[in-house]
Amino acid sequence: MSIRGVIFDCDGVLFASHQANLAYYNAVLGKFSRPPVTDSASPAAHLCHTAASPVVFAELLEGENQDEVLAYAATLDYRQFLHYMIPEPGMTAALNQMSQRLPLAVATNRGTSMEEILRHFDLSGYFSTVVTSQDVARPKPYPDMLEKVADRLGLAVSELLFVGDSELDQLAAQRAGIPFVAYKSKLPGCRRVEHYQELQALVEELNSGT
């Protein structure tokens, strides 16, 4: 097996962002007089951390006019939540080194916030392309955004590696036919890495075709 590009999920892979996600979704829930998500280990918190916003709102704000919910969410300035986002240790140095040898990409169920996040943390220059839920008809776990990354990079899906942390990431990779590695996750049936040094070593191993 040899790879020619690496795709990264955002939440849980580039950043520890549970607090940021909950702060954002709780701001929307509060607007519609719904109780906040306070248990970070709850299914609702997991949904906030992994799913695209329309899916989260449909679940947590069932019964509300979803167009109205999305319209309000679009008015929120995501910059107010950026201080909650913590870059993964060693991430920037690893991206710097890997991007000199391979094209890197982001495939995330985030929407319009992704561009601001990359700009704020000075990461934009490391990625050849960024695909969000705004760019495809179906978010993860569908394969659409991974296939779009492959198309933009001009590579076959089998030539890419997708680094994710959730079952949505794993399913999207399986459906797209892209090799998958789980980052800091106990997902079954896949290779796992616990830190960026380990990920970088794996990428170098796979890139060499050994």
N, C-alpha and C. Protein backbone atom coordinates (compact mmCIF):
# COMPACT_ATOMS: atom_id res chain seq x y z
N MET A 1 0.84 -1.20 0.00
CA MET A 1 0.00 0.00 0.00
C MET A 1 0.87 1.24 0.00
N SER A 2 0.54 2.18 -0.86
CA SER A 2 1.26 3.46 -0.90
C SER A 2 0.23 4.59 -1.00
N ILE A 3 0.44 5.66 -0.25
CA ILE A 3 -0.49 6.78 -0.30
C ILE A 3 0.19 8.01 -0.90
N ARG A 4 -0.63 8.88 -1.48
CA ARG A 4 -0.12 10.09 -2.12
C ARG A 4 -0.77 11.35 -1.58
N GLY A 5 -1.60 11.21 -0.54
CA GLY A 5 -2.25 12.36 0.07
C GLY A 5 -2.93 11.95 1.36
N VAL A 6 -3.12 12.92 2.27
CA VAL A 6 -3.73 12.65 3.57
C VAL A 6 -4.87 13.63 3.81
N ILE A 7 -6.02 13.09 4.25
CA ILE A 7 -7.19 13.89 4.57
C ILE A 7 -7.40 13.86 6.08
N PHE A 8 -7.69 15.02 6.66
CA PHE A 8 -7.92 15.12 8.10
C PHE A 8 -9.35 15.57 8.39
N ASP A 9 -9.96 14.92 9.37
CA ASP A 9 -11.15 15.49 9.99
C ASP A 9 -10.69 16.66 10.84
N CYS A 10 -11.60 17.54 11.23
CA CYS A 10 -11.23 18.68 12.08
C CYS A 10 -11.40 18.37 13.56
N ASP A 11 -12.62 18.19 13.99
CA ASP A 11 -12.93 18.05 15.42
C ASP A 11 -12.45 16.71 15.95
N GLY A 12 -11.61 16.77 16.97
CA GLY A 12 -11.07 15.56 17.56
C GLY A 12 -9.81 15.06 16.90
N VAL A 13 -9.42 15.68 15.79
CA VAL A 13 -8.20 15.29 15.07
C VAL A 13 -7.23 16.46 14.97
N LEU A 14 -7.67 17.56 14.40
CA LEU A 14 -6.84 18.77 14.40
C LEU A 14 -6.95 19.50 15.74
N PHE A 15 -8.13 19.45 16.33
CA PHE A 15 -8.39 20.19 17.57
C PHE A 15 -9.18 19.36 18.56
N ALA A 16 -8.93 19.59 19.84
CA ALA A 16 -9.85 19.18 20.89
C ALA A 16 -10.89 20.30 20.99
N SER A 17 -12.09 20.01 20.55
CA SER A 17 -13.06 21.09 20.35
C SER A 17 -14.43 20.82 20.97
N HIS A 18 -14.50 19.89 21.91
CA HIS A 18 -15.79 19.61 22.54
C HIS A 18 -16.39 20.86 23.17
N GLN A 19 -15.57 21.62 23.88
CA GLN A 19 -16.09 22.81 24.55
C GLN A 19 -16.62 23.83 23.55
N ALA A 20 -15.88 24.03 22.47
CA ALA A 20 -16.31 24.98 21.45
C ALA A 20 -17.62 24.55 20.82
N ASN A 21 -17.73 23.27 20.51
CA ASN A 21 -18.96 22.77 19.88
C ASN A 21 -20.16 22.94 20.81
N LEU A 22 -19.98 22.57 22.07
CA LEU A 22 -21.10 22.69 23.01
C LEU A 22 -21.48 24.15 23.23
N ALA A 23 -20.49 25.04 23.31
CA ALA A 23 -20.79 26.46 23.49
C ALA A 23 -21.61 26.99 22.31
N TYR A 24 -21.22 26.59 21.11
CA TYR A 24 -21.94 27.04 19.91
C TYR A 24 -23.38 26.51 19.90
N TYR A 25 -23.53 25.20 20.07
CA TYR A 25 -24.87 24.63 19.99
C TYR A 25 -25.74 25.08 21.17
N ASN A 26 -25.14 25.27 22.33
CA ASN A 26 -25.93 25.76 23.46
C ASN A 26 -26.40 27.19 23.24
N ALA A 27 -25.62 27.99 22.51
CA ALA A 27 -26.06 29.35 22.18
C ALA A 27 -27.32 29.30 21.32
N VAL A 28 -27.36 28.35 20.39
CA VAL A 28 -28.55 28.20 19.54
C VAL A 28 -29.71 27.63 20.34
N LEU A 29 -29.43 26.63 21.16
CA LEU A 29 -30.49 26.05 21.98
C LEU A 29 -31.11 27.10 22.90
N GLY A 30 -30.27 27.96 23.48
CA GLY A 30 -30.78 29.00 24.36
C GLY A 30 -31.69 29.97 23.65
N LYS A 31 -31.36 30.29 22.41
CA LYS A 31 -32.19 31.20 21.64
C LYS A 31 -33.61 30.66 21.49
N PHE A 32 -33.74 29.33 21.42
CA PHE A 32 -35.05 28.71 21.23
C PHE A 32 -35.58 28.09 22.53
N SER A 33 -35.06 28.62 23.66
CA SER A 33 -35.54 28.25 24.99
C SER A 33 -35.47 26.75 25.26
N ARG A 34 -34.42 26.14 24.76
CA ARG A 34 -34.18 24.73 25.04
C ARG A 34 -33.04 24.60 26.05
N PRO A 35 -33.04 23.57 26.88
CA PRO A 35 -31.98 23.40 27.87
C PRO A 35 -30.64 23.10 27.20
N PRO A 36 -29.57 23.54 27.82
CA PRO A 36 -28.24 23.30 27.22
C PRO A 36 -27.82 21.85 27.36
N VAL A 37 -26.87 21.46 26.51
CA VAL A 37 -26.22 20.16 26.65
C VAL A 37 -25.07 20.35 27.63
N THR A 38 -25.17 19.72 28.79
CA THR A 38 -24.16 19.93 29.84
C THR A 38 -23.29 18.71 30.10
N ASP A 39 -23.79 17.54 29.76
CA ASP A 39 -23.03 16.31 29.97
C ASP A 39 -22.18 16.03 28.74
N SER A 40 -20.87 16.24 28.85
CA SER A 40 -19.98 16.10 27.69
C SER A 40 -19.86 14.66 27.22
N ALA A 41 -20.33 13.71 28.03
CA ALA A 41 -20.26 12.30 27.64
C ALA A 41 -21.60 11.77 27.12
N SER A 42 -22.58 12.64 26.99
CA SER A 42 -23.92 12.21 26.58
C SER A 42 -24.01 11.99 25.07
N PRO A 43 -25.01 11.23 24.62
CA PRO A 43 -25.22 11.08 23.18
C PRO A 43 -25.44 12.42 22.48
N ALA A 44 -26.10 13.37 23.15
CA ALA A 44 -26.32 14.68 22.54
C ALA A 44 -25.01 15.40 22.32
N ALA A 45 -24.09 15.32 23.28
CA ALA A 45 -22.78 15.96 23.13
C ALA A 45 -22.00 15.29 22.01
N HIS A 46 -22.07 13.97 21.90
CA HIS A 46 -21.39 13.26 20.82
C HIS A 46 -21.94 13.70 19.47
N LEU A 47 -23.25 13.86 19.39
CA LEU A 47 -23.88 14.34 18.17
C LEU A 47 -23.35 15.72 17.80
N CYS A 48 -23.24 16.62 18.78
CA CYS A 48 -22.73 17.97 18.54
C CYS A 48 -21.30 17.95 18.04
N HIS A 49 -20.56 16.94 18.45
CA HIS A 49 -19.13 16.87 18.12
C HIS A 49 -18.87 16.24 16.75
N THR A 50 -19.82 15.49 16.23
CA THR A 50 -19.53 14.72 15.02
C THR A 50 -20.40 15.05 13.81
N ALA A 51 -21.65 15.39 14.05
CA ALA A 51 -22.59 15.53 12.94
C ALA A 51 -22.60 16.95 12.36
N ALA A 52 -23.11 17.07 11.15
CA ALA A 52 -23.29 18.39 10.53
C ALA A 52 -24.41 19.14 11.24
N SER A 53 -24.31 20.46 11.23
CA SER A 53 -25.26 21.29 11.98
C SER A 53 -26.72 21.00 11.66
N PRO A 54 -27.12 20.85 10.39
CA PRO A 54 -28.54 20.57 10.13
C PRO A 54 -29.02 19.30 10.82
N VAL A 55 -28.14 18.30 10.89
CA VAL A 55 -28.50 17.04 11.56
C VAL A 55 -28.65 17.27 13.06
N VAL A 56 -27.71 18.03 13.65
CA VAL A 56 -27.77 18.33 15.08
C VAL A 56 -29.04 19.10 15.42
N PHE A 57 -29.32 20.13 14.64
CA PHE A 57 -30.50 20.96 14.92
C PHE A 57 -31.80 20.17 14.76
N ALA A 58 -31.85 19.31 13.75
CA ALA A 58 -33.06 18.50 13.55
C ALA A 58 -33.31 17.58 14.73
N GLU A 59 -32.22 17.11 15.35
CA GLU A 59 -32.35 16.20 16.49
C GLU A 59 -32.64 16.96 17.78
N LEU A 60 -31.86 18.00 18.06
CA LEU A 60 -31.97 18.69 19.35
C LEU A 60 -33.07 19.75 19.36
N LEU A 61 -33.45 20.22 18.18
CA LEU A 61 -34.51 21.23 18.10
C LEU A 61 -35.68 20.72 17.27
N GLU A 62 -36.00 19.47 17.51
CA GLU A 62 -37.14 18.87 16.81
C GLU A 62 -38.40 19.66 17.14
N GLY A 63 -39.17 19.94 16.11
CA GLY A 63 -40.40 20.70 16.29
C GLY A 63 -40.26 22.17 15.96
N GLU A 64 -39.00 22.66 15.92
CA GLU A 64 -38.77 24.05 15.52
C GLU A 64 -38.70 24.16 14.00
N ASN A 65 -38.96 25.34 13.50
CA ASN A 65 -38.78 25.60 12.08
C ASN A 65 -37.28 25.56 11.78
N GLN A 66 -36.87 24.56 11.02
CA GLN A 66 -35.43 24.36 10.82
C GLN A 66 -34.80 25.47 9.96
N ASP A 67 -35.55 26.06 9.08
CA ASP A 67 -35.03 27.20 8.32
C ASP A 67 -34.74 28.37 9.25
N GLU A 68 -35.61 28.58 10.21
CA GLU A 68 -35.41 29.65 11.19
C GLU A 68 -34.20 29.36 12.07
N VAL A 69 -34.07 28.11 12.48
CA VAL A 69 -32.92 27.72 13.31
C VAL A 69 -31.62 27.94 12.56
N LEU A 70 -31.55 27.48 11.33
CA LEU A 70 -30.33 27.62 10.53
C LEU A 70 -30.03 29.09 10.26
N ALA A 71 -31.07 29.88 10.04
CA ALA A 71 -30.88 31.31 9.79
C ALA A 71 -30.28 31.99 11.02
N TYR A 72 -30.78 31.64 12.20
CA TYR A 72 -30.22 32.23 13.42
C TYR A 72 -28.78 31.78 13.63
N ALA A 73 -28.53 30.48 13.44
CA ALA A 73 -27.17 29.95 13.63
C ALA A 73 -26.18 30.66 12.71
N ALA A 74 -26.63 31.02 11.52
CA ALA A 74 -25.75 31.70 10.56
C ALA A 74 -25.36 33.09 11.01
N THR A 75 -26.13 33.67 11.93
CA THR A 75 -25.81 35.02 12.41
C THR A 75 -24.75 35.01 13.50
N LEU A 76 -24.47 33.85 14.09
CA LEU A 76 -23.49 33.77 15.16
C LEU A 76 -22.07 33.92 14.61
N ASP A 77 -21.29 34.75 15.25
CA ASP A 77 -19.89 34.92 14.87
C ASP A 77 -19.09 33.83 15.57
N TYR A 78 -18.58 32.87 14.80
CA TYR A 78 -17.92 31.73 15.43
C TYR A 78 -16.62 32.13 16.12
N ARG A 79 -16.11 33.29 15.83
CA ARG A 79 -14.87 33.73 16.48
C ARG A 79 -15.00 33.79 18.00
N GLN A 80 -16.20 33.97 18.49
CA GLN A 80 -16.40 34.02 19.94
C GLN A 80 -16.18 32.67 20.62
N PHE A 81 -16.12 31.59 19.82
CA PHE A 81 -15.92 30.26 20.39
C PHE A 81 -14.51 29.72 20.16
N LEU A 82 -13.68 30.45 19.41
CA LEU A 82 -12.37 29.92 19.03
C LEU A 82 -11.45 29.70 20.22
N HIS A 83 -11.62 30.49 21.29
CA HIS A 83 -10.73 30.32 22.43
C HIS A 83 -10.96 29.00 23.15
N TYR A 84 -12.07 28.33 22.85
CA TYR A 84 -12.31 27.01 23.43
C TYR A 84 -11.59 25.90 22.66
N MET A 85 -11.11 26.18 21.46
CA MET A 85 -10.51 25.15 20.62
C MET A 85 -9.03 25.00 20.96
N ILE A 86 -8.61 23.78 21.19
CA ILE A 86 -7.22 23.50 21.58
C ILE A 86 -6.55 22.67 20.49
N PRO A 87 -5.53 23.23 19.82
CA PRO A 87 -4.82 22.44 18.79
C PRO A 87 -4.21 21.17 19.40
N GLU A 88 -4.30 20.09 18.68
CA GLU A 88 -3.72 18.84 19.15
C GLU A 88 -2.20 18.97 19.27
N PRO A 89 -1.60 18.41 20.32
CA PRO A 89 -0.15 18.52 20.50
C PRO A 89 0.62 17.97 19.30
N GLY A 90 1.60 18.74 18.83
CA GLY A 90 2.44 18.30 17.73
C GLY A 90 1.81 18.43 16.36
N MET A 91 0.55 18.89 16.31
CA MET A 91 -0.17 18.93 15.04
C MET A 91 0.47 19.87 14.03
N THR A 92 0.77 21.09 14.43
CA THR A 92 1.29 22.08 13.48
C THR A 92 2.63 21.64 12.91
N ALA A 93 3.52 21.16 13.74
CA ALA A 93 4.83 20.72 13.26
C ALA A 93 4.69 19.54 12.29
N ALA A 94 3.78 18.62 12.60
CA ALA A 94 3.57 17.47 11.72
C ALA A 94 2.99 17.89 10.38
N LEU A 95 2.00 18.80 10.42
CA LEU A 95 1.42 19.29 9.16
C LEU A 95 2.48 19.99 8.32
N ASN A 96 3.33 20.76 8.96
CA ASN A 96 4.38 21.47 8.24
C ASN A 96 5.29 20.49 7.50
N GLN A 97 5.68 19.42 8.16
CA GLN A 97 6.58 18.45 7.54
C GLN A 97 5.87 17.61 6.49
N MET A 98 4.67 17.13 6.80
CA MET A 98 3.94 16.29 5.85
C MET A 98 3.56 17.04 4.59
N SER A 99 3.19 18.32 4.74
CA SER A 99 2.73 19.09 3.58
C SER A 99 3.85 19.37 2.59
N GLN A 100 5.09 19.20 3.01
CA GLN A 100 6.22 19.38 2.10
C GLN A 100 6.42 18.16 1.20
N ARG A 101 5.78 17.05 1.56
CA ARG A 101 5.95 15.81 0.80
C ARG A 101 4.67 15.34 0.11
N LEU A 102 3.53 15.70 0.70
CA LEU A 102 2.24 15.20 0.21
C LEU A 102 1.20 16.30 0.26
N PRO A 103 0.21 16.27 -0.64
CA PRO A 103 -0.93 17.20 -0.48
C PRO A 103 -1.78 16.77 0.71
N LEU A 104 -2.17 17.74 1.51
CA LEU A 104 -3.04 17.49 2.66
C LEU A 104 -4.38 18.15 2.42
N ALA A 105 -5.43 17.60 3.04
CA ALA A 105 -6.78 18.14 2.87
C ALA A 105 -7.55 18.01 4.17
N VAL A 106 -8.64 18.76 4.26
CA VAL A 106 -9.58 18.66 5.37
C VAL A 106 -10.93 18.23 4.81
N ALA A 107 -11.57 17.28 5.49
CA ALA A 107 -12.94 16.89 5.17
C ALA A 107 -13.71 16.88 6.48
N THR A 108 -14.59 17.85 6.66
CA THR A 108 -15.24 18.05 7.94
C THR A 108 -16.73 18.31 7.80
N ASN A 109 -17.49 17.85 8.78
CA ASN A 109 -18.91 18.15 8.81
C ASN A 109 -19.19 19.57 9.29
N ARG A 110 -18.15 20.30 9.66
CA ARG A 110 -18.33 21.73 9.90
C ARG A 110 -18.76 22.40 8.60
N GLY A 111 -19.32 23.61 8.76
CA GLY A 111 -19.73 24.37 7.58
C GLY A 111 -18.87 25.60 7.40
N THR A 112 -19.48 26.76 7.57
CA THR A 112 -18.79 28.02 7.28
C THR A 112 -17.70 28.37 8.29
N SER A 113 -17.67 27.72 9.45
CA SER A 113 -16.68 28.06 10.47
C SER A 113 -15.27 27.59 10.12
N MET A 114 -15.13 26.63 9.21
CA MET A 114 -13.83 26.01 8.97
C MET A 114 -12.81 27.00 8.44
N GLU A 115 -13.19 27.83 7.53
CA GLU A 115 -12.26 28.81 6.96
C GLU A 115 -11.71 29.74 8.04
N GLU A 116 -12.59 30.22 8.93
CA GLU A 116 -12.16 31.11 9.99
C GLU A 116 -11.24 30.39 10.98
N ILE A 117 -11.52 29.14 11.27
CA ILE A 117 -10.67 28.36 12.18
C ILE A 117 -9.26 28.22 11.62
N LEU A 118 -9.16 27.82 10.37
CA LEU A 118 -7.84 27.65 9.76
C LEU A 118 -7.08 28.97 9.70
N ARG A 119 -7.79 30.05 9.40
CA ARG A 119 -7.13 31.35 9.34
C ARG A 119 -6.67 31.79 10.73
N HIS A 120 -7.51 31.61 11.73
CA HIS A 120 -7.19 32.03 13.09
C HIS A 120 -5.96 31.31 13.63
N PHE A 121 -5.85 30.02 13.33
CA PHE A 121 -4.73 29.24 13.85
C PHE A 121 -3.58 29.13 12.85
N ASP A 122 -3.65 29.92 11.77
CA ASP A 122 -2.58 30.00 10.77
C ASP A 122 -2.25 28.63 10.19
N LEU A 123 -3.29 27.90 9.80
CA LEU A 123 -3.12 26.56 9.25
C LEU A 123 -3.47 26.45 7.77
N SER A 124 -4.04 27.49 7.20
CA SER A 124 -4.56 27.42 5.83
C SER A 124 -3.52 26.96 4.82
N GLY A 125 -2.28 27.41 5.00
CA GLY A 125 -1.24 27.11 4.03
C GLY A 125 -0.82 25.66 3.95
N TYR A 126 -1.23 24.86 4.92
CA TYR A 126 -0.84 23.46 4.91
C TYR A 126 -1.75 22.59 4.07
N PHE A 127 -2.94 23.09 3.72
CA PHE A 127 -3.94 22.25 3.07
C PHE A 127 -4.16 22.66 1.62
N SER A 128 -4.09 21.66 0.76
CA SER A 128 -4.32 21.90 -0.67
C SER A 128 -5.79 22.14 -0.97
N THR A 129 -6.67 21.53 -0.19
CA THR A 129 -8.10 21.75 -0.37
C THR A 129 -8.83 21.47 0.94
N VAL A 130 -9.96 22.13 1.11
CA VAL A 130 -10.81 21.96 2.29
C VAL A 130 -12.24 21.72 1.81
N VAL A 131 -12.83 20.63 2.25
CA VAL A 131 -14.21 20.30 1.88
C VAL A 131 -15.03 20.25 3.17
N THR A 132 -16.12 21.00 3.19
CA THR A 132 -17.01 21.04 4.34
C THR A 132 -18.40 20.55 3.95
N SER A 133 -19.29 20.52 4.92
CA SER A 133 -20.66 20.10 4.65
C SER A 133 -21.37 21.05 3.69
N GLN A 134 -20.83 22.25 3.54
CA GLN A 134 -21.41 23.22 2.60
C GLN A 134 -21.12 22.86 1.14
N ASP A 135 -20.14 22.00 0.92
CA ASP A 135 -19.66 21.71 -0.44
C ASP A 135 -20.28 20.47 -1.05
N VAL A 136 -21.06 19.72 -0.28
CA VAL A 136 -21.60 18.45 -0.76
C VAL A 136 -23.09 18.35 -0.42
N ALA A 137 -23.75 17.45 -1.13
CA ALA A 137 -25.18 17.25 -0.87
C ALA A 137 -25.40 16.48 0.43
N ARG A 138 -24.45 15.60 0.76
CA ARG A 138 -24.62 14.74 1.94
C ARG A 138 -23.35 14.78 2.78
N PRO A 139 -23.47 15.07 4.08
CA PRO A 139 -22.29 15.08 4.95
C PRO A 139 -21.86 13.66 5.32
N LYS A 140 -20.75 13.54 6.02
CA LYS A 140 -20.38 12.23 6.57
C LYS A 140 -21.50 11.75 7.51
N PRO A 141 -21.89 10.49 7.46
CA PRO A 141 -21.12 9.33 7.04
C PRO A 141 -21.19 8.98 5.56
N TYR A 142 -21.80 9.81 4.74
CA TYR A 142 -21.78 9.56 3.30
C TYR A 142 -20.38 9.85 2.76
N PRO A 143 -20.03 9.25 1.64
CA PRO A 143 -18.66 9.40 1.12
C PRO A 143 -18.42 10.65 0.29
N ASP A 144 -19.44 11.48 0.12
CA ASP A 144 -19.38 12.58 -0.85
C ASP A 144 -18.16 13.49 -0.68
N MET A 145 -17.88 13.93 0.55
CA MET A 145 -16.80 14.90 0.70
C MET A 145 -15.43 14.26 0.50
N LEU A 146 -15.27 13.00 0.84
CA LEU A 146 -14.00 12.33 0.58
C LEU A 146 -13.79 12.15 -0.92
N GLU A 147 -14.84 11.81 -1.61
CA GLU A 147 -14.75 11.68 -3.06
C GLU A 147 -14.44 13.03 -3.71
N LYS A 148 -15.00 14.10 -3.15
CA LYS A 148 -14.72 15.43 -3.70
C LYS A 148 -13.26 15.82 -3.46
N VAL A 149 -12.72 15.48 -2.30
CA VAL A 149 -11.30 15.73 -2.05
C VAL A 149 -10.45 15.00 -3.08
N ALA A 150 -10.73 13.73 -3.31
CA ALA A 150 -9.97 12.95 -4.29
C ALA A 150 -10.03 13.59 -5.66
N ASP A 151 -11.23 14.05 -6.05
CA ASP A 151 -11.41 14.70 -7.34
C ASP A 151 -10.60 15.99 -7.44
N ARG A 152 -10.63 16.79 -6.38
CA ARG A 152 -9.90 18.06 -6.38
C ARG A 152 -8.40 17.85 -6.43
N LEU A 153 -7.93 16.79 -5.77
CA LEU A 153 -6.50 16.52 -5.75
C LEU A 153 -6.04 15.75 -6.99
N GLY A 154 -6.99 15.24 -7.74
CA GLY A 154 -6.63 14.46 -8.93
C GLY A 154 -6.04 13.11 -8.59
N LEU A 155 -6.49 12.52 -7.47
CA LEU A 155 -5.98 11.24 -7.01
C LEU A 155 -7.11 10.22 -6.88
N ALA A 156 -6.74 8.95 -6.99
CA ALA A 156 -7.71 7.89 -6.73
C ALA A 156 -7.95 7.79 -5.24
N VAL A 157 -9.15 7.36 -4.84
CA VAL A 157 -9.45 7.26 -3.42
C VAL A 157 -8.49 6.30 -2.72
N SER A 158 -8.04 5.26 -3.44
CA SER A 158 -7.12 4.29 -2.84
C SER A 158 -5.75 4.87 -2.56
N GLU A 159 -5.46 6.04 -3.12
CA GLU A 159 -4.16 6.68 -2.91
C GLU A 159 -4.16 7.65 -1.73
N LEU A 160 -5.30 7.73 -1.04
CA LEU A 160 -5.44 8.68 0.06
C LEU A 160 -5.58 7.95 1.39
N LEU A 161 -5.26 8.65 2.46
CA LEU A 161 -5.47 8.17 3.82
C LEU A 161 -6.35 9.18 4.53
N PHE A 162 -7.39 8.71 5.21
CA PHE A 162 -8.28 9.59 5.95
C PHE A 162 -8.06 9.38 7.44
N VAL A 163 -7.79 10.47 8.15
CA VAL A 163 -7.56 10.43 9.59
C VAL A 163 -8.79 11.01 10.28
N GLY A 164 -9.50 10.19 11.02
CA GLY A 164 -10.72 10.63 11.71
C GLY A 164 -10.79 10.08 13.11
N ASP A 165 -11.89 10.39 13.80
CA ASP A 165 -12.01 9.92 15.18
C ASP A 165 -13.39 9.39 15.52
N SER A 166 -14.31 9.44 14.59
CA SER A 166 -15.69 9.05 14.91
C SER A 166 -16.18 7.96 13.97
N GLU A 167 -17.30 7.35 14.37
CA GLU A 167 -17.90 6.33 13.53
C GLU A 167 -18.38 6.92 12.20
N LEU A 168 -18.74 8.20 12.19
CA LEU A 168 -19.13 8.84 10.93
C LEU A 168 -17.94 8.90 9.97
N ASP A 169 -16.76 9.21 10.50
CA ASP A 169 -15.55 9.24 9.68
C ASP A 169 -15.24 7.86 9.13
N GLN A 170 -15.31 6.86 9.99
CA GLN A 170 -14.99 5.50 9.59
C GLN A 170 -15.95 5.00 8.51
N LEU A 171 -17.23 5.27 8.68
CA LEU A 171 -18.22 4.85 7.68
C LEU A 171 -18.01 5.57 6.35
N ALA A 172 -17.72 6.86 6.40
CA ALA A 172 -17.48 7.61 5.17
C ALA A 172 -16.28 7.04 4.42
N ALA A 173 -15.23 6.70 5.16
CA ALA A 173 -14.04 6.13 4.53
C ALA A 173 -14.35 4.77 3.90
N GLN A 174 -15.09 3.94 4.63
CA GLN A 174 -15.45 2.63 4.09
C GLN A 174 -16.26 2.77 2.82
N ARG A 175 -17.21 3.68 2.83
CA ARG A 175 -18.09 3.85 1.67
C ARG A 175 -17.35 4.45 0.48
N ALA A 176 -16.33 5.25 0.76
CA ALA A 176 -15.55 5.86 -0.32
C ALA A 176 -14.43 4.94 -0.80
N GLY A 177 -14.10 3.92 -0.01
CA GLY A 177 -12.99 3.04 -0.36
C GLY A 177 -11.64 3.66 -0.06
N ILE A 178 -11.60 4.52 0.96
CA ILE A 178 -10.36 5.20 1.36
C ILE A 178 -9.81 4.55 2.62
N PRO A 179 -8.52 4.21 2.65
CA PRO A 179 -7.92 3.69 3.88
C PRO A 179 -8.11 4.67 5.02
N PHE A 180 -8.37 4.12 6.22
CA PHE A 180 -8.74 4.94 7.36
C PHE A 180 -7.85 4.63 8.56
N VAL A 181 -7.49 5.67 9.31
CA VAL A 181 -6.80 5.49 10.58
C VAL A 181 -7.53 6.32 11.63
N ALA A 182 -7.75 5.72 12.79
CA ALA A 182 -8.47 6.40 13.88
C ALA A 182 -7.47 7.12 14.77
N TYR A 183 -7.75 8.39 15.06
CA TYR A 183 -6.89 9.20 15.90
C TYR A 183 -7.48 9.30 17.31
N LYS A 184 -6.72 8.86 18.31
CA LYS A 184 -7.16 8.91 19.71
C LYS A 184 -8.57 8.36 19.87
N SER A 185 -8.83 7.26 19.23
CA SER A 185 -10.18 6.70 19.24
C SER A 185 -10.10 5.19 19.34
N LYS A 186 -11.10 4.58 19.95
CA LYS A 186 -11.15 3.13 20.11
C LYS A 186 -12.06 2.48 19.09
N LEU A 187 -12.23 3.10 17.95
CA LEU A 187 -13.07 2.51 16.92
C LEU A 187 -12.55 1.12 16.55
N PRO A 188 -13.45 0.16 16.42
CA PRO A 188 -13.01 -1.21 16.12
C PRO A 188 -12.67 -1.40 14.65
N GLY A 189 -11.84 -2.38 14.38
CA GLY A 189 -11.58 -2.81 13.02
C GLY A 189 -10.76 -1.87 12.18
N CYS A 190 -9.92 -1.04 12.81
CA CYS A 190 -9.10 -0.13 12.01
C CYS A 190 -7.78 0.14 12.74
N ARG A 191 -6.84 0.64 12.00
CA ARG A 191 -5.57 1.01 12.60
C ARG A 191 -5.76 2.29 13.42
N ARG A 192 -5.06 2.40 14.55
CA ARG A 192 -5.22 3.54 15.43
C ARG A 192 -3.87 4.17 15.76
N VAL A 193 -3.89 5.48 15.94
CA VAL A 193 -2.71 6.20 16.41
C VAL A 193 -3.14 7.09 17.57
N GLU A 194 -2.21 7.38 18.47
CA GLU A 194 -2.52 8.13 19.68
C GLU A 194 -1.96 9.54 19.69
N HIS A 195 -1.03 9.86 18.79
CA HIS A 195 -0.45 11.20 18.76
C HIS A 195 0.13 11.46 17.37
N TYR A 196 0.48 12.71 17.12
CA TYR A 196 0.90 13.10 15.77
C TYR A 196 2.24 12.52 15.38
N GLN A 197 3.12 12.28 16.33
CA GLN A 197 4.39 11.65 15.99
C GLN A 197 4.16 10.25 15.43
N GLU A 198 3.23 9.53 16.04
CA GLU A 198 2.89 8.20 15.56
C GLU A 198 2.20 8.26 14.20
N LEU A 199 1.32 9.25 14.02
CA LEU A 199 0.66 9.42 12.73
C LEU A 199 1.68 9.73 11.64
N GLN A 200 2.60 10.63 11.94
CA GLN A 200 3.61 11.01 10.95
C GLN A 200 4.46 9.81 10.54
N ALA A 201 4.83 8.97 11.51
CA ALA A 201 5.60 7.77 11.20
C ALA A 201 4.81 6.82 10.30
N LEU A 202 3.49 6.70 10.57
CA LEU A 202 2.64 5.85 9.75
C LEU A 202 2.55 6.39 8.33
N VAL A 203 2.36 7.70 8.20
CA VAL A 203 2.27 8.31 6.87
C VAL A 203 3.56 8.09 6.09
N GLU A 204 4.69 8.25 6.74
CA GLU A 204 5.98 8.05 6.07
C GLU A 204 6.12 6.58 5.63
N GLU A 205 5.69 5.67 6.49
CA GLU A 205 5.75 4.25 6.16
C GLU A 205 4.88 3.94 4.94
N LEU A 206 3.66 4.46 4.94
CA LEU A 206 2.74 4.18 3.83
C LEU A 206 3.17 4.89 2.56
N ASN A 207 3.73 6.08 2.70
CA ASN A 207 4.18 6.82 1.52
C ASN A 207 5.35 6.14 0.83
N SER A 208 6.13 5.40 1.60
CA SER A 208 7.27 4.70 1.03
C SER A 208 6.85 3.41 0.32
N GLY A 209 5.60 3.01 0.58
CA GLY A 209 5.09 1.80 -0.07
C GLY A 209 5.55 0.53 0.58
N THR A 210 6.11 0.64 1.81
CA THR A 210 6.61 -0.56 2.48
C THR A 210 5.53 -1.20 3.32
